[in-house]
Amino acid sequence: MWAPEGSACLHVVLLFGVCVAVSCSGLMDGVWTELGYEHYAERPRAWLPPLLAMPANSLVNLGYVAVGARWLRQKGPGAGAGGYHKDAFAWMVLAYGPVQWARVASQAQRAAVLDQWLTLPIFAWVPVWATYLLAVEGGGRSRFPGALLVEAASLASYGLALTHRRGFELALGLHIAAALLAGLAAQRRLGDAVSRRHLLLAVASCFGFVALKLLDLPLARLDPGLGLLSGPLTGHFWSKLCDLLQIHYTLCFMQHLSLRQHTEHKQR
């Protein structure tokens, strides 16, 4: 039994609502986060309001809203869980943009915690979706409680951030590895040349997302003066563009597999 497509928004609100409630309670105040403009290569503009103090790193978050909204308008392969999985992913992406903007604008601990924490269930959704497709292909039925358990485990893994300064990076690395393995398994069983191209582009974008974020400050020092890695257009900004591409191509990949599977089942 799967969840109806119309419930995707409600489920994302409940999922993210748990994180917001726990964060606001102060339970995660002990998590180490990077706070302060000194952690960004883009220099703040004192004459701008805090919402736009770093204009490039702030406005790029509108991209998450745009990508999420674009995919919400994209029709699923048919009635059932294929549309639900796409919509849930899109709602998570859409909601993530304002959260990350709040972190950049406020430089507050609880906003930073939410920014980190909500990244994990988004990555975890790829194995959930891939597992569903593989179960359907095998003639079985992927039940909604399984997705709930995966997302609950994903949220719980953020507890690593309370045990070690680099706990979040460890949890995120595990989530990226799980998403990659799930994508490769789905490609091997269900994919074609088109899905392979989407997968490769998603992986390349993920690499850019991670590398450019980590090298934000070093790249700014190496910028030859063209303004592509310093000024407003820093490594952090370009990493967010890579993140948007990663999300888009992941949705292209999963949606193509869903459509392909749906078409093949209709022809049987």
Protein backbone atom coordinates (compact mmCIF):
# COMPACT_ATOMS: atom_id res chain seq x y z
CA MET A 1 0.00 0.00 0.00
CA TRP A 2 1.38 3.42 -0.91
CA ALA A 3 0.54 6.90 0.21
CA PRO A 4 -1.72 8.94 -2.09
CA GLU A 5 -0.05 11.66 -4.12
CA GLY A 6 -2.03 14.44 -2.45
CA SER A 7 -0.52 13.55 0.93
CA ALA A 8 3.06 14.34 -0.11
CA CYS A 9 2.89 17.96 1.07
CA LEU A 10 1.36 16.96 4.41
CA HIS A 11 4.01 14.32 5.03
CA VAL A 12 6.83 16.77 4.26
CA VAL A 13 5.26 19.36 6.57
CA LEU A 14 5.10 16.78 9.36
CA LEU A 15 8.66 15.59 8.71
CA PHE A 16 10.16 19.07 8.62
CA GLY A 17 7.88 20.14 11.47
CA VAL A 18 9.50 17.58 13.75
CA CYS A 19 12.92 19.04 12.97
CA VAL A 20 11.71 22.59 13.56
CA ALA A 21 10.11 21.65 16.89
CA VAL A 22 13.18 19.80 18.16
CA SER A 23 15.51 22.57 16.99
CA CYS A 24 13.40 25.29 18.64
CA SER A 25 13.36 23.29 21.86
CA GLY A 26 17.10 23.81 22.20
CA LEU A 27 17.96 20.09 22.19
CA MET A 28 20.34 20.61 19.26
CA ASP A 29 22.02 23.77 20.53
CA GLY A 30 25.14 21.74 21.30
CA VAL A 31 25.74 20.90 17.64
CA TRP A 32 28.81 22.58 16.18
CA THR A 33 27.94 24.82 13.24
CA GLU A 34 29.82 27.48 11.29
CA LEU A 35 28.37 30.82 12.37
CA GLY A 36 29.54 34.21 11.24
CA TYR A 37 30.35 35.86 7.91
CA GLU A 38 34.01 34.90 8.25
CA HIS A 39 33.08 31.38 7.11
CA TYR A 40 31.97 32.72 3.71
CA ALA A 41 34.16 34.09 0.94
CA GLU A 42 31.41 36.50 -0.10
CA ARG A 43 31.75 39.67 1.93
CA PRO A 44 28.57 41.09 3.49
CA ARG A 45 27.27 44.47 2.34
CA ALA A 46 26.70 46.63 5.41
CA TRP A 47 24.32 48.89 3.50
CA LEU A 48 21.96 46.02 2.70
CA PRO A 49 19.43 44.52 5.12
CA PRO A 50 20.45 41.19 6.76
CA LEU A 51 18.14 39.32 4.40
CA LEU A 52 20.39 40.36 1.52
CA ALA A 53 23.69 41.08 3.28
CA MET A 54 25.32 38.44 1.06
CA PRO A 55 23.18 38.91 -2.06
CA ALA A 56 24.52 36.03 -4.15
CA ASN A 57 24.42 33.44 -1.35
CA SER A 58 20.97 34.69 -0.35
CA LEU A 59 19.21 34.96 -3.71
CA VAL A 60 20.54 31.61 -4.95
CA ASN A 61 18.13 30.00 -2.49
CA LEU A 62 15.25 31.09 -4.68
CA GLY A 63 16.52 28.40 -7.01
CA TYR A 64 15.34 25.70 -4.61
CA VAL A 65 11.85 27.17 -4.63
CA ALA A 66 11.91 27.38 -8.43
CA VAL A 67 13.18 23.81 -8.92
CA GLY A 68 10.72 22.41 -6.39
CA ALA A 69 7.81 24.29 -7.95
CA ARG A 70 8.85 23.23 -11.45
CA TRP A 71 8.83 19.56 -10.50
CA LEU A 72 5.55 19.83 -8.63
CA ARG A 73 4.00 20.93 -11.91
CA GLN A 74 5.59 18.01 -13.75
CA LYS A 75 3.10 15.18 -14.15
CA GLY A 76 4.03 11.78 -12.74
CA PRO A 77 4.08 8.58 -14.79
CA GLY A 78 0.59 7.66 -13.66
CA ALA A 79 -1.57 7.20 -10.62
CA GLY A 80 0.13 5.78 -7.56
CA ALA A 81 3.38 6.09 -5.72
CA GLY A 82 5.45 7.30 -8.65
CA GLY A 83 3.77 10.68 -8.41
CA TYR A 84 3.90 10.61 -4.62
CA HIS A 85 7.66 10.10 -4.52
CA LYS A 86 8.26 12.89 -7.03
CA ASP A 87 6.00 15.31 -5.20
CA ALA A 88 7.48 14.53 -1.78
CA PHE A 89 10.99 15.14 -3.15
CA ALA A 90 9.89 18.38 -4.79
CA TRP A 91 8.17 19.65 -1.64
CA MET A 92 11.29 18.96 0.43
CA VAL A 93 13.43 20.87 -2.05
CA LEU A 94 10.99 23.79 -2.17
CA ALA A 95 10.86 24.03 1.63
CA TYR A 96 14.63 23.79 1.98
CA GLY A 97 15.30 27.05 0.13
CA PRO A 98 13.76 29.40 2.76
CA VAL A 99 15.48 27.45 5.55
CA GLN A 100 18.90 27.90 4.01
CA TRP A 101 18.19 31.57 3.30
CA ALA A 102 17.24 32.01 6.97
CA ARG A 103 20.60 30.57 7.98
CA VAL A 104 22.56 32.86 5.67
CA ALA A 105 20.58 35.93 6.76
CA SER A 106 20.48 35.31 10.51
CA GLN A 107 23.72 33.42 11.17
CA ALA A 108 21.81 31.89 14.09
CA GLN A 109 22.52 28.50 15.65
CA ARG A 110 19.03 27.04 15.29
CA ALA A 111 18.70 28.11 11.67
CA ALA A 112 22.10 26.52 10.98
CA VAL A 113 20.98 23.30 12.67
CA LEU A 114 17.86 23.15 10.51
CA ASP A 115 19.91 23.84 7.39
CA GLN A 116 22.14 20.86 8.17
CA TRP A 117 19.43 18.55 9.46
CA LEU A 118 16.97 18.95 6.60
CA THR A 119 19.66 18.07 4.07
CA LEU A 120 19.67 14.46 5.29
CA PRO A 121 16.05 13.38 4.55
CA ILE A 122 16.34 14.88 1.06
CA PHE A 123 19.29 12.61 0.26
CA ALA A 124 17.54 9.70 2.02
CA TRP A 125 14.57 10.01 -0.32
CA VAL A 126 16.61 8.67 -3.24
CA PRO A 127 17.02 5.19 -1.66
CA VAL A 128 13.34 5.27 -0.66
CA TRP A 129 12.25 5.97 -4.24
CA ALA A 130 14.73 3.54 -5.76
CA THR A 131 13.69 0.78 -3.35
CA TYR A 132 10.07 1.29 -4.34
CA LEU A 133 10.88 0.98 -8.04
CA LEU A 134 12.99 -2.13 -7.51
CA ALA A 135 10.27 -3.72 -5.39
CA VAL A 136 7.66 -3.09 -8.07
CA GLU A 137 9.99 -4.48 -10.72
CA GLY A 138 10.45 -7.62 -8.65
CA GLY A 139 6.73 -8.13 -8.38
CA GLY A 140 6.54 -7.10 -4.75
CA ARG A 141 4.94 -4.15 -3.04
CA SER A 142 6.87 -1.42 -1.30
CA ARG A 143 4.85 -0.27 1.68
CA PHE A 144 4.73 3.31 2.88
CA PRO A 145 5.84 2.46 6.47
CA GLY A 146 9.19 1.38 4.99
CA ALA A 147 9.73 4.91 3.69
CA LEU A 148 8.75 6.27 7.08
CA LEU A 149 11.36 4.10 8.80
CA VAL A 150 14.09 5.20 6.40
CA GLU A 151 13.27 8.87 6.94
CA ALA A 152 13.11 8.37 10.72
CA ALA A 153 16.54 6.72 10.65
CA SER A 154 17.81 9.59 8.51
CA LEU A 155 16.60 12.18 11.01
CA ALA A 156 18.01 10.17 13.91
CA SER A 157 21.43 10.01 12.25
CA TYR A 158 21.80 13.72 12.87
CA GLY A 159 22.42 12.72 16.45
CA LEU A 160 26.00 12.08 15.30
CA ALA A 161 26.39 15.85 15.20
CA LEU A 162 25.88 15.90 18.97
CA THR A 163 28.64 13.38 19.57
CA HIS A 164 31.42 14.85 17.43
CA ARG A 165 32.25 18.15 15.77
CA ARG A 166 32.31 16.42 12.38
CA GLY A 167 29.30 14.22 13.07
CA PHE A 168 27.15 15.98 10.50
CA GLU A 169 29.76 15.51 7.78
CA LEU A 170 29.86 11.80 8.61
CA ALA A 171 26.07 11.51 8.45
CA LEU A 172 25.96 13.46 5.19
CA GLY A 173 28.70 11.30 3.67
CA LEU A 174 26.76 8.16 4.54
CA HIS A 175 23.61 9.62 2.99
CA ILE A 176 25.42 10.55 -0.22
CA ALA A 177 26.92 7.06 -0.44
CA ALA A 178 23.51 5.46 0.13
CA ALA A 179 21.92 7.63 -2.55
CA LEU A 180 24.68 6.78 -5.02
CA LEU A 181 24.43 3.04 -4.35
CA ALA A 182 20.65 3.15 -4.68
CA GLY A 183 20.93 5.04 -7.95
CA LEU A 184 23.43 2.55 -9.34
CA ALA A 185 21.21 -0.38 -8.33
CA ALA A 186 18.19 1.21 -9.98
CA GLN A 187 20.17 1.99 -13.12
CA ARG A 188 21.46 -1.56 -13.35
CA ARG A 189 17.96 -3.06 -13.10
CA LEU A 190 15.78 -0.46 -14.78
CA GLY A 191 17.95 2.00 -16.64
CA ASP A 192 18.83 2.85 -20.21
CA ALA A 193 21.18 5.30 -21.93
CA VAL A 194 19.01 8.29 -21.05
CA SER A 195 18.86 7.47 -17.35
CA ARG A 196 22.60 6.77 -17.36
CA ARG A 197 23.25 10.28 -18.64
CA HIS A 198 21.01 11.77 -15.94
CA LEU A 199 22.79 9.71 -13.28
CA LEU A 200 26.25 10.77 -14.42
CA LEU A 201 25.21 14.42 -14.46
CA ALA A 202 23.72 14.10 -10.97
CA VAL A 203 26.92 12.50 -9.63
CA ALA A 204 29.11 15.15 -11.28
CA SER A 205 26.92 17.89 -9.82
CA CYS A 206 27.13 16.28 -6.38
CA PHE A 207 30.92 16.31 -6.60
CA GLY A 208 30.84 19.99 -7.52
CA PHE A 209 28.43 20.70 -4.68
CA VAL A 210 30.72 19.15 -2.07
CA ALA A 211 34.08 20.31 -3.48
CA LEU A 212 33.12 23.93 -4.11
CA LYS A 213 31.56 24.26 -0.66
CA LEU A 214 34.67 22.93 1.06
CA LEU A 215 36.97 25.10 -1.07
CA ASP A 216 34.96 28.30 -0.74
CA LEU A 217 37.62 30.32 1.11
CA PRO A 218 40.73 28.77 -0.54
CA LEU A 219 39.33 29.38 -4.03
CA ALA A 220 38.62 33.02 -3.21
CA ARG A 221 42.31 33.48 -2.36
CA LEU A 222 43.32 31.91 -5.68
CA ASP A 223 40.92 33.94 -7.82
CA PRO A 224 42.98 35.76 -10.48
CA GLY A 225 40.69 38.79 -10.27
CA LEU A 226 37.96 37.72 -12.68
CA GLY A 227 35.36 37.73 -9.92
CA LEU A 228 34.27 34.16 -10.61
CA LEU A 229 35.47 32.79 -7.28
CA SER A 230 35.54 35.94 -5.19
CA GLY A 231 33.32 38.96 -4.86
CA PRO A 232 29.70 37.82 -4.93
CA LEU A 233 30.33 34.72 -7.05
CA THR A 234 32.24 32.53 -4.60
CA GLY A 235 32.73 28.80 -4.26
CA HIS A 236 29.75 28.63 -1.90
CA PHE A 237 27.52 30.28 -4.51
CA TRP A 238 28.69 27.93 -7.28
CA SER A 239 28.27 24.95 -4.95
CA LYS A 240 24.61 25.88 -4.54
CA LEU A 241 24.18 25.99 -8.30
CA CYS A 242 25.72 22.52 -8.43
CA ASP A 243 23.30 21.44 -5.71
CA LEU A 244 20.37 22.68 -7.78
CA LEU A 245 21.69 20.78 -10.80
CA GLN A 246 22.17 17.71 -8.62
CA ILE A 247 18.55 17.88 -7.48
CA HIS A 248 17.25 18.49 -10.99
CA TYR A 249 19.18 15.62 -12.59
CA THR A 250 18.31 13.28 -9.72
CA LEU A 251 14.64 14.01 -10.34
CA CYS A 252 15.19 13.56 -14.09
CA PHE A 253 16.84 10.20 -13.38
CA MET A 254 14.22 8.87 -10.98
CA GLN A 255 11.31 10.21 -12.99
CA HIS A 256 12.65 8.66 -16.18
CA LEU A 257 12.97 5.27 -14.46
CA SER A 258 9.44 5.62 -13.10
CA LEU A 259 8.03 6.52 -16.50
CA ARG A 260 9.94 3.74 -18.21
CA GLN A 261 8.76 1.18 -15.69
CA HIS A 262 5.16 2.42 -15.91
CA THR A 263 5.21 2.19 -19.73
CA GLU A 264 6.64 -1.33 -19.71
CA HIS A 265 4.05 -2.55 -17.20
CA LYS A 266 1.23 -1.10 -19.31
CA GLN A 267 2.50 -3.01 -22.33
CA ARG A 268 2.53 -6.35 -20.54
